N, C-alpha and C. Protein backbone atom coordinates (compact mmCIF):
# COMPACT_ATOMS: atom_id res chain seq x y z
N MET A 1 51.82 199.34 113.77
CA MET A 1 51.62 198.06 113.13
C MET A 1 52.80 197.72 112.20
N SER A 2 53.33 198.71 111.49
CA SER A 2 54.44 198.45 110.56
C SER A 2 55.71 198.09 111.32
N ARG A 3 55.86 198.65 112.52
CA ARG A 3 57.03 198.31 113.34
C ARG A 3 56.98 196.85 113.78
N ILE A 4 55.81 196.39 114.11
CA ILE A 4 55.65 195.00 114.53
C ILE A 4 56.00 194.07 113.37
N LEU A 5 55.52 194.40 112.17
CA LEU A 5 55.82 193.58 111.00
C LEU A 5 57.32 193.62 110.69
N LEU A 6 57.95 194.78 110.87
CA LEU A 6 59.39 194.90 110.64
C LEU A 6 60.16 194.04 111.64
N ILE A 7 59.78 194.09 112.89
CA ILE A 7 60.43 193.28 113.92
C ILE A 7 60.21 191.80 113.64
N LEU A 8 59.00 191.42 113.28
CA LEU A 8 58.73 190.01 112.94
C LEU A 8 59.53 189.57 111.72
N GLY A 9 59.67 190.43 110.74
CA GLY A 9 60.47 190.12 109.55
C GLY A 9 61.93 189.91 109.90
N ILE A 10 62.47 190.78 110.76
CA ILE A 10 63.87 190.65 111.18
C ILE A 10 64.06 189.36 111.98
N LEU A 11 63.14 189.06 112.89
CA LEU A 11 63.21 187.83 113.67
C LEU A 11 63.13 186.60 112.76
N PHE A 12 62.25 186.67 111.74
CA PHE A 12 62.13 185.55 110.81
C PHE A 12 63.43 185.34 110.03
N LEU A 13 64.03 186.43 109.55
CA LEU A 13 65.29 186.32 108.82
C LEU A 13 66.41 185.81 109.72
N ALA A 14 66.45 186.25 110.97
CA ALA A 14 67.46 185.77 111.92
C ALA A 14 67.27 184.27 112.17
N TRP A 15 66.03 183.85 112.31
CA TRP A 15 65.73 182.43 112.55
C TRP A 15 66.13 181.58 111.35
N MET A 16 65.84 182.05 110.14
CA MET A 16 66.22 181.33 108.92
C MET A 16 67.74 181.27 108.78
N GLY A 17 68.43 182.36 109.09
CA GLY A 17 69.89 182.37 109.05
C GLY A 17 70.47 181.38 110.04
N TYR A 18 69.90 181.34 111.25
CA TYR A 18 70.36 180.40 112.26
C TYR A 18 70.18 178.96 111.78
N ARG A 19 69.03 178.64 111.21
CA ARG A 19 68.77 177.28 110.71
C ARG A 19 69.75 176.91 109.60
N PHE A 20 70.01 177.85 108.69
CA PHE A 20 70.93 177.59 107.59
C PHE A 20 72.34 177.33 108.11
N LEU A 21 72.82 178.20 109.01
CA LEU A 21 74.17 178.03 109.55
C LEU A 21 74.28 176.76 110.38
N ASN A 22 73.27 176.45 111.14
CA ASN A 22 73.28 175.25 111.98
C ASN A 22 73.32 174.00 111.10
N LYS A 23 72.55 173.99 110.02
CA LYS A 23 72.52 172.84 109.11
C LYS A 23 73.88 172.70 108.41
N THR A 24 74.44 173.81 107.95
CA THR A 24 75.73 173.78 107.28
C THR A 24 76.81 173.30 108.23
N TRP A 25 76.80 173.77 109.46
CA TRP A 25 77.80 173.39 110.45
C TRP A 25 77.70 171.91 110.78
N SER A 26 76.47 171.41 110.98
CA SER A 26 76.33 169.99 111.32
C SER A 26 76.74 169.10 110.16
N THR A 27 76.51 169.54 108.92
CA THR A 27 76.94 168.76 107.76
C THR A 27 78.46 168.70 107.72
N ARG A 28 79.13 169.80 107.98
CA ARG A 28 80.59 169.81 107.98
C ARG A 28 81.15 168.94 109.09
N VAL A 29 80.55 168.98 110.26
CA VAL A 29 81.00 168.16 111.37
C VAL A 29 80.87 166.69 111.02
N LYS A 30 79.76 166.32 110.41
CA LYS A 30 79.56 164.92 110.01
C LYS A 30 80.60 164.49 108.98
N GLU A 31 80.95 165.36 108.03
CA GLU A 31 81.97 165.04 107.03
C GLU A 31 83.33 164.82 107.67
N VAL A 32 83.68 165.68 108.62
CA VAL A 32 84.96 165.56 109.30
C VAL A 32 85.01 164.27 110.12
N GLU A 33 83.93 163.95 110.81
CA GLU A 33 83.89 162.72 111.60
C GLU A 33 83.98 161.49 110.69
N LYS A 34 83.32 161.53 109.54
CA LYS A 34 83.38 160.41 108.60
C LYS A 34 84.80 160.22 108.08
N LYS A 35 85.46 161.32 107.74
CA LYS A 35 86.85 161.24 107.27
C LYS A 35 87.77 160.72 108.36
N ALA A 36 87.55 161.13 109.59
CA ALA A 36 88.38 160.66 110.71
C ALA A 36 88.19 159.16 110.92
N ARG A 37 86.96 158.69 110.78
CA ARG A 37 86.71 157.25 110.90
C ARG A 37 87.40 156.47 109.79
N GLN A 38 87.35 156.99 108.57
CA GLN A 38 87.99 156.32 107.44
C GLN A 38 89.50 156.29 107.63
N ASP A 39 90.08 157.38 108.11
CA ASP A 39 91.53 157.43 108.34
C ASP A 39 91.95 156.46 109.43
N SER A 40 91.13 156.32 110.46
CA SER A 40 91.50 155.42 111.56
C SER A 40 91.38 153.96 111.14
N GLN A 41 90.55 153.67 110.15
CA GLN A 41 90.37 152.29 109.71
C GLN A 41 91.44 151.86 108.71
N GLN A 42 92.16 152.82 108.13
CA GLN A 42 93.20 152.47 107.17
C GLN A 42 94.38 151.84 107.90
N GLN A 43 95.13 151.06 107.15
CA GLN A 43 96.30 150.40 107.71
C GLN A 43 97.37 151.43 108.05
N PRO A 44 98.03 151.27 109.18
CA PRO A 44 99.11 152.20 109.50
C PRO A 44 100.27 152.05 108.53
N LYS A 45 101.01 153.12 108.35
CA LYS A 45 102.15 153.09 107.44
C LYS A 45 103.25 152.21 108.02
N ALA A 46 103.99 151.61 107.13
CA ALA A 46 105.07 150.73 107.55
C ALA A 46 106.17 151.54 108.23
N VAL A 47 106.77 150.96 109.24
CA VAL A 47 107.84 151.61 109.97
C VAL A 47 109.13 151.45 109.17
N GLN A 48 109.86 152.55 108.99
CA GLN A 48 111.11 152.51 108.25
C GLN A 48 112.28 152.38 109.22
N GLN A 49 113.28 151.67 108.80
CA GLN A 49 114.50 151.57 109.58
C GLN A 49 115.29 152.86 109.42
N VAL A 50 115.96 153.27 110.47
CA VAL A 50 116.79 154.47 110.44
C VAL A 50 118.23 154.03 110.65
N LYS A 51 119.11 154.48 109.78
CA LYS A 51 120.54 154.12 109.84
C LYS A 51 121.37 155.38 109.96
N SER A 52 122.57 155.22 110.48
CA SER A 52 123.46 156.39 110.57
C SER A 52 124.49 156.32 109.45
N CYS A 53 124.81 157.48 108.93
CA CYS A 53 125.78 157.60 107.85
C CYS A 53 127.17 157.26 108.39
N ALA A 54 127.94 156.50 107.64
CA ALA A 54 129.28 156.11 108.07
C ALA A 54 130.23 157.30 108.08
N TYR A 55 129.90 158.36 107.37
CA TYR A 55 130.78 159.53 107.28
C TYR A 55 130.41 160.60 108.31
N CYS A 56 129.13 161.02 108.32
CA CYS A 56 128.73 162.14 109.19
C CYS A 56 127.95 161.71 110.42
N LYS A 57 127.57 160.46 110.50
CA LYS A 57 126.84 159.89 111.65
C LYS A 57 125.43 160.44 111.81
N VAL A 58 124.90 161.07 110.79
CA VAL A 58 123.52 161.56 110.83
C VAL A 58 122.59 160.40 110.55
N HIS A 59 121.48 160.31 111.28
CA HIS A 59 120.51 159.23 111.10
C HIS A 59 119.46 159.65 110.08
N ILE A 60 119.26 158.81 109.07
CA ILE A 60 118.24 159.06 108.05
C ILE A 60 117.55 157.74 107.74
N PRO A 61 116.34 157.79 107.13
CA PRO A 61 115.65 156.56 106.75
C PRO A 61 116.48 155.75 105.76
N GLU A 62 116.40 154.45 105.91
CA GLU A 62 117.21 153.55 105.09
C GLU A 62 116.88 153.69 103.60
N ALA A 63 115.62 154.01 103.30
CA ALA A 63 115.20 154.13 101.91
C ALA A 63 115.84 155.34 101.22
N GLU A 64 116.31 156.30 101.98
CA GLU A 64 116.88 157.51 101.39
C GLU A 64 118.40 157.47 101.29
N GLY A 65 119.01 156.43 101.79
CA GLY A 65 120.46 156.36 101.81
C GLY A 65 121.04 155.45 100.74
N ILE A 66 122.38 155.25 100.81
CA ILE A 66 123.12 154.47 99.82
C ILE A 66 124.00 153.47 100.56
N TYR A 67 124.04 152.26 100.05
CA TYR A 67 124.93 151.24 100.60
C TYR A 67 126.13 151.06 99.68
N LYS A 68 127.28 150.92 100.27
CA LYS A 68 128.50 150.63 99.52
C LYS A 68 129.38 149.76 100.42
N ASP A 69 129.66 148.55 99.99
CA ASP A 69 130.48 147.61 100.75
C ASP A 69 130.00 147.45 102.19
N LYS A 70 128.71 147.22 102.35
CA LYS A 70 128.05 147.02 103.65
C LYS A 70 128.13 148.24 104.55
N GLN A 71 128.44 149.39 104.01
CA GLN A 71 128.46 150.65 104.75
C GLN A 71 127.30 151.51 104.24
N PHE A 72 126.70 152.27 105.12
CA PHE A 72 125.54 153.09 104.78
C PHE A 72 125.95 154.56 104.76
N PHE A 73 125.51 155.28 103.71
CA PHE A 73 125.84 156.70 103.55
C PHE A 73 124.56 157.48 103.24
N CYS A 74 124.55 158.74 103.68
CA CYS A 74 123.36 159.55 103.47
C CYS A 74 123.32 160.18 102.07
N SER A 75 124.47 160.29 101.41
CA SER A 75 124.49 160.88 100.07
C SER A 75 125.73 160.38 99.32
N TYR A 76 125.71 160.60 98.02
CA TYR A 76 126.87 160.22 97.20
C TYR A 76 128.08 161.08 97.56
N GLN A 77 127.82 162.31 97.97
CA GLN A 77 128.91 163.21 98.38
C GLN A 77 129.67 162.62 99.57
N HIS A 78 128.94 162.13 100.55
CA HIS A 78 129.59 161.56 101.72
C HIS A 78 130.25 160.22 101.39
N LEU A 79 129.68 159.50 100.47
CA LEU A 79 130.31 158.25 100.02
C LEU A 79 131.67 158.57 99.39
N ASP A 80 131.70 159.56 98.50
CA ASP A 80 132.95 159.95 97.85
C ASP A 80 133.96 160.48 98.88
N SER A 81 133.50 161.30 99.79
CA SER A 81 134.40 161.84 100.82
C SER A 81 134.96 160.72 101.69
N TYR A 82 134.13 159.79 102.06
CA TYR A 82 134.58 158.66 102.88
C TYR A 82 135.63 157.83 102.15
N LEU A 83 135.40 157.57 100.87
CA LEU A 83 136.35 156.78 100.09
C LEU A 83 137.65 157.56 99.89
N ASP A 84 137.59 158.88 99.72
CA ASP A 84 138.81 159.69 99.58
C ASP A 84 139.63 159.69 100.87
N HIS A 85 138.97 159.73 102.01
CA HIS A 85 139.68 159.75 103.31
C HIS A 85 140.30 158.39 103.62
N LYS A 86 139.72 157.32 103.09
CA LYS A 86 140.25 155.99 103.35
C LYS A 86 141.53 155.72 102.56
N LYS A 87 141.72 156.47 101.46
CA LYS A 87 142.89 156.23 100.60
C LYS A 87 144.12 156.69 101.23
């Protein structure tokens, strides 16, 4: 009789553990799906123009570069080097 109660107790604990894990998992899945829906509804980020440096010809976003006399440079170092080579 005690073995039957022990087996029933183990089965009950396994069933409760399964319900807990299943509920936790479904809650997490719902949170992830909700976040994915919110992300998809947000406005897409603006597209940045990409320019090539007049000195090294590397392409970088326009917001990260420097303009000097209608020429685009990736850094102040390359701007200085370009101006030194032109002299």
